[in-house]
Amino acid sequence: MSSNPFRLYECPATRSDRIKFMLEELCIPYDLKLIDLANGEHKTPEFLKINPYGAVPVLEDIEKKLFISESGAICEYIAMKYKHKLYFPNEKSDEFIRYKELMYFAVSSLDPICLTILHQAKSLAPENRSVYLLEDAIKKFSYCAQFLEHALKDKTYVLGSNISTPDFIIAATLIWVKEEVAKHPILQKYIENILKLPSMMKVRNDIKNRIK
């Protein structure tokens, strides 16, 4: 049995990067299990036993034999277990409401919009792209940017001078759409600071090595 608390089932350049970023930044040791999406490993009977939805990431709490899917839920699970390692607002404070707002914004609003931009601008074959969907997503992203720039005003991270759970999701998502981020100076500065963190450097290097 592993001496590490977690095992992460992942594939680089997916939502798995959010979890790796968080684990690396908090210096939490973990085992890594690469799931080959290109070869359909996420749809095998073995993997479907741990996540019937058939998607990465999945985090296994090894001691509890507990499997958690959905990147937002995984990040919150890690945060609840390791509150002493990162900034976590008092659950009775107004700032905790702001924390929850940012978490829901990250997974429900920002994520699908950025994913649409990524697919329509880069991932899909040109003949399968939609100019309408791309332009609509870019317009919606501008409103997301306004929301985030308001949150980041005079701050290094979305909740202040210390990194917190929403940052791991928001930053890892914004990296998908760096061309759009560059149009917004506050977001650009935020991402530049994130990219300098050793934890994010490791995540990015893993992506480069995987793509080779």
Protein backbone atom coordinates (compact mmCIF):
# COMPACT_ATOMS: atom_id res chain seq x y z
CA MET A 1 0.00 0.00 0.00
CA SER A 2 1.28 3.45 -0.90
CA SER A 3 2.48 5.71 1.89
CA ASN A 4 1.10 8.72 0.01
CA PRO A 5 -2.38 10.00 0.92
CA PHE A 6 -3.68 10.25 -2.65
CA ARG A 7 -3.55 8.65 -6.07
CA LEU A 8 -4.44 10.85 -9.01
CA TYR A 9 -5.83 9.27 -12.16
CA GLU A 10 -5.04 11.85 -14.80
CA CYS A 11 -4.07 12.87 -18.28
CA PRO A 12 -2.01 16.02 -18.93
CA ALA A 13 -3.68 18.97 -20.69
CA THR A 14 -7.07 18.15 -19.17
CA ARG A 15 -8.87 19.28 -16.03
CA SER A 16 -6.42 17.00 -14.23
CA ASP A 17 -3.95 19.89 -14.37
CA ARG A 18 -5.97 21.77 -11.74
CA ILE A 19 -5.53 18.95 -9.28
CA LYS A 20 -1.82 18.52 -9.97
CA PHE A 21 -1.31 22.27 -9.61
CA MET A 22 -3.02 22.21 -6.21
CA LEU A 23 -1.21 19.11 -4.93
CA GLU A 24 2.16 20.42 -6.09
CA GLU A 25 1.60 23.91 -4.65
CA LEU A 26 0.57 22.48 -1.27
CA CYS A 27 3.47 19.97 -1.31
CA ILE A 28 1.10 17.04 -0.81
CA PRO A 29 2.68 13.75 -1.97
CA TYR A 30 0.64 11.63 -4.34
CA ASP A 31 0.83 8.67 -6.66
CA LEU A 32 0.16 9.27 -10.33
CA LYS A 33 -1.75 6.96 -12.65
CA LEU A 34 -1.73 8.08 -16.27
CA ILE A 35 -4.95 7.33 -18.14
CA ASP A 36 -4.45 7.16 -21.91
CA LEU A 37 -7.50 8.95 -23.29
CA ALA A 38 -6.40 8.56 -26.90
CA ASN A 39 -6.56 4.78 -26.55
CA GLY A 40 -9.84 4.82 -24.64
CA GLU A 41 -8.42 3.75 -21.30
CA HIS A 42 -10.99 5.95 -19.54
CA LYS A 43 -13.78 3.77 -20.97
CA THR A 44 -12.40 0.40 -19.89
CA PRO A 45 -14.35 -1.70 -17.37
CA GLU A 46 -11.54 -1.21 -14.84
CA PHE A 47 -11.68 2.58 -15.00
CA LEU A 48 -15.47 2.72 -15.14
CA LYS A 49 -15.53 0.96 -11.78
CA ILE A 50 -13.92 4.00 -10.17
CA ASN A 51 -15.73 6.61 -12.27
CA PRO A 52 -18.82 5.38 -14.14
CA TYR A 53 -18.85 8.65 -16.08
CA GLY A 54 -15.54 7.66 -17.64
CA ALA A 55 -13.59 10.90 -17.30
CA VAL A 56 -10.47 12.24 -15.63
CA PRO A 57 -9.47 13.46 -13.15
CA VAL A 58 -10.27 11.03 -10.37
CA LEU A 59 -8.66 11.35 -6.96
CA GLU A 60 -8.35 8.31 -4.72
CA ASP A 61 -8.02 8.82 -0.98
CA ILE A 62 -5.91 5.72 -0.50
CA GLU A 63 -6.49 5.22 3.21
CA LYS A 64 -10.26 5.62 2.91
CA LYS A 65 -10.46 3.78 -0.43
CA LEU A 66 -12.59 6.71 -1.58
CA PHE A 67 -12.74 7.80 -5.22
CA ILE A 68 -13.75 11.38 -6.07
CA SER A 69 -14.47 12.72 -9.55
CA GLU A 70 -15.24 16.26 -10.80
CA SER A 71 -12.29 18.62 -10.51
CA GLY A 72 -14.13 21.22 -8.42
CA ALA A 73 -15.21 18.61 -5.90
CA ILE A 74 -11.69 17.19 -5.79
CA CYS A 75 -10.16 20.60 -5.10
CA GLU A 76 -12.66 21.25 -2.32
CA TYR A 77 -11.96 17.84 -0.80
CA ILE A 78 -8.23 18.53 -0.72
CA ALA A 79 -8.83 22.00 0.73
CA MET A 80 -11.03 20.65 3.52
CA LYS A 81 -8.38 18.09 4.48
CA TYR A 82 -5.45 20.50 4.29
CA LYS A 83 -6.86 23.83 5.45
CA HIS A 84 -3.61 24.49 7.30
CA LYS A 85 -1.67 24.51 4.01
CA LEU A 86 -3.57 27.24 2.17
CA TYR A 87 -5.81 30.22 2.70
CA PHE A 88 -9.32 29.01 3.60
CA PRO A 89 -11.93 31.54 4.78
CA ASN A 90 -13.79 31.08 8.04
CA GLU A 91 -16.96 29.23 7.11
CA LYS A 92 -19.08 31.71 9.06
CA SER A 93 -17.58 34.77 7.37
CA ASP A 94 -18.80 36.82 4.42
CA GLU A 95 -15.57 35.95 2.65
CA PHE A 96 -16.56 32.29 2.69
CA ILE A 97 -19.60 33.26 0.61
CA ARG A 98 -17.24 35.00 -1.82
CA TYR A 99 -15.10 31.83 -1.87
CA LYS A 100 -18.14 29.72 -2.78
CA GLU A 101 -19.19 32.23 -5.43
CA LEU A 102 -15.77 32.00 -7.07
CA MET A 103 -15.78 28.21 -6.96
CA TYR A 104 -19.17 27.98 -8.66
CA PHE A 105 -18.17 30.66 -11.16
CA ALA A 106 -15.00 28.76 -12.04
CA VAL A 107 -16.66 25.44 -12.82
CA SER A 108 -20.08 26.61 -14.07
CA SER A 109 -19.33 29.80 -16.02
CA LEU A 110 -15.63 30.17 -16.81
CA ASP A 111 -14.85 26.54 -17.63
CA PRO A 112 -17.45 25.89 -20.37
CA ILE A 113 -16.81 29.26 -22.02
CA CYS A 114 -13.04 28.76 -22.13
CA LEU A 115 -13.47 25.19 -23.34
CA THR A 116 -15.67 26.38 -26.20
CA ILE A 117 -13.04 28.95 -27.22
CA LEU A 118 -10.31 26.31 -27.05
CA HIS A 119 -12.28 23.84 -29.19
CA GLN A 120 -13.56 26.33 -31.75
CA ALA A 121 -10.25 28.17 -32.15
CA LYS A 122 -7.77 25.30 -31.93
CA SER A 123 -8.83 21.75 -31.09
CA LEU A 124 -11.45 21.03 -33.75
CA ALA A 125 -10.62 20.52 -37.39
CA PRO A 126 -11.29 23.73 -39.35
CA GLU A 127 -14.27 22.23 -41.16
CA ASN A 128 -15.93 21.43 -37.83
CA ARG A 129 -15.54 24.87 -36.28
CA SER A 130 -18.34 27.39 -35.84
CA VAL A 131 -17.61 31.09 -36.19
CA TYR A 132 -20.84 31.86 -34.33
CA LEU A 133 -19.96 29.66 -31.34
CA LEU A 134 -16.45 31.11 -31.17
CA GLU A 135 -17.60 34.73 -31.34
CA ASP A 136 -20.35 34.09 -28.79
CA ALA A 137 -17.89 32.44 -26.39
CA ILE A 138 -15.38 35.28 -26.76
CA LYS A 139 -18.13 37.80 -25.97
CA LYS A 140 -19.13 35.81 -22.89
CA PHE A 141 -15.49 35.54 -21.86
CA SER A 142 -15.24 39.34 -21.80
CA TYR A 143 -17.89 39.36 -19.05
CA CYS A 144 -16.02 36.63 -17.17
CA ALA A 145 -12.91 38.78 -17.43
CA GLN A 146 -14.76 41.76 -15.95
CA PHE A 147 -15.91 39.61 -13.05
CA LEU A 148 -12.40 38.30 -12.39
CA GLU A 149 -10.69 41.66 -12.77
CA HIS A 150 -13.06 43.05 -10.18
CA ALA A 151 -12.17 40.16 -7.86
CA LEU A 152 -8.44 40.62 -8.52
CA LYS A 153 -8.33 44.39 -8.11
CA ASP A 154 -5.32 45.25 -5.92
CA LYS A 155 -4.82 41.54 -5.15
CA THR A 156 -2.33 38.88 -6.16
CA TYR A 157 -4.93 36.11 -6.00
CA VAL A 158 -8.72 36.10 -6.14
CA LEU A 159 -9.15 36.18 -2.36
CA GLY A 160 -6.14 38.27 -1.44
CA SER A 161 -2.39 37.91 -1.06
CA ASN A 162 -2.45 34.12 -0.54
CA ILE A 163 -3.46 31.43 -2.99
CA SER A 164 -6.77 29.68 -2.33
CA THR A 165 -8.80 26.87 -3.87
CA PRO A 166 -10.57 28.92 -6.58
CA ASP A 167 -7.19 30.03 -7.95
CA PHE A 168 -6.22 26.48 -8.84
CA ILE A 169 -9.27 26.09 -11.04
CA ILE A 170 -9.44 29.62 -12.43
CA ALA A 171 -5.75 29.89 -13.35
CA ALA A 172 -5.53 26.42 -14.90
CA THR A 173 -8.62 27.26 -16.98
CA LEU A 174 -7.44 30.68 -18.13
CA ILE A 175 -4.27 29.11 -19.49
CA TRP A 176 -6.42 27.42 -22.15
CA VAL A 177 -7.23 30.84 -23.64
CA LYS A 178 -4.05 32.88 -23.25
CA GLU A 179 -4.86 34.95 -26.36
CA GLU A 180 -8.06 36.20 -24.74
CA VAL A 181 -6.40 36.70 -21.36
CA ALA A 182 -3.81 38.96 -23.03
CA LYS A 183 -6.60 41.43 -23.83
CA HIS A 184 -7.18 42.05 -20.12
CA PRO A 185 -4.16 43.52 -18.25
CA ILE A 186 -5.18 42.46 -14.74
CA LEU A 187 -5.81 38.88 -15.88
CA GLN A 188 -2.56 38.88 -17.82
CA LYS A 189 -0.60 39.92 -14.74
CA TYR A 190 -2.40 37.28 -12.67
CA ILE A 191 -1.51 34.51 -15.12
CA GLU A 192 2.08 35.70 -15.46
CA ASN A 193 2.48 35.40 -11.68
CA ILE A 194 0.87 31.94 -11.67
CA LEU A 195 3.15 30.70 -14.45
CA LYS A 196 6.20 31.61 -12.35
CA LEU A 197 5.17 29.27 -9.54
CA PRO A 198 7.29 26.08 -9.45
CA SER A 199 4.11 24.05 -9.00
CA MET A 200 2.63 25.36 -12.24
CA MET A 201 5.97 25.02 -14.02
CA LYS A 202 5.90 21.31 -13.21
CA VAL A 203 2.37 20.95 -14.52
CA ARG A 204 3.30 22.71 -17.76
CA ASN A 205 6.44 20.60 -18.19
CA ASP A 206 4.38 17.44 -17.76
CA ILE A 207 2.11 18.64 -20.56
CA LYS A 208 5.05 19.37 -22.87
CA ASN A 209 6.62 15.98 -22.16
CA ARG A 210 3.33 14.22 -22.78
CA ILE A 211 2.75 15.95 -26.12
CA LYS A 212 6.23 15.06 -27.44
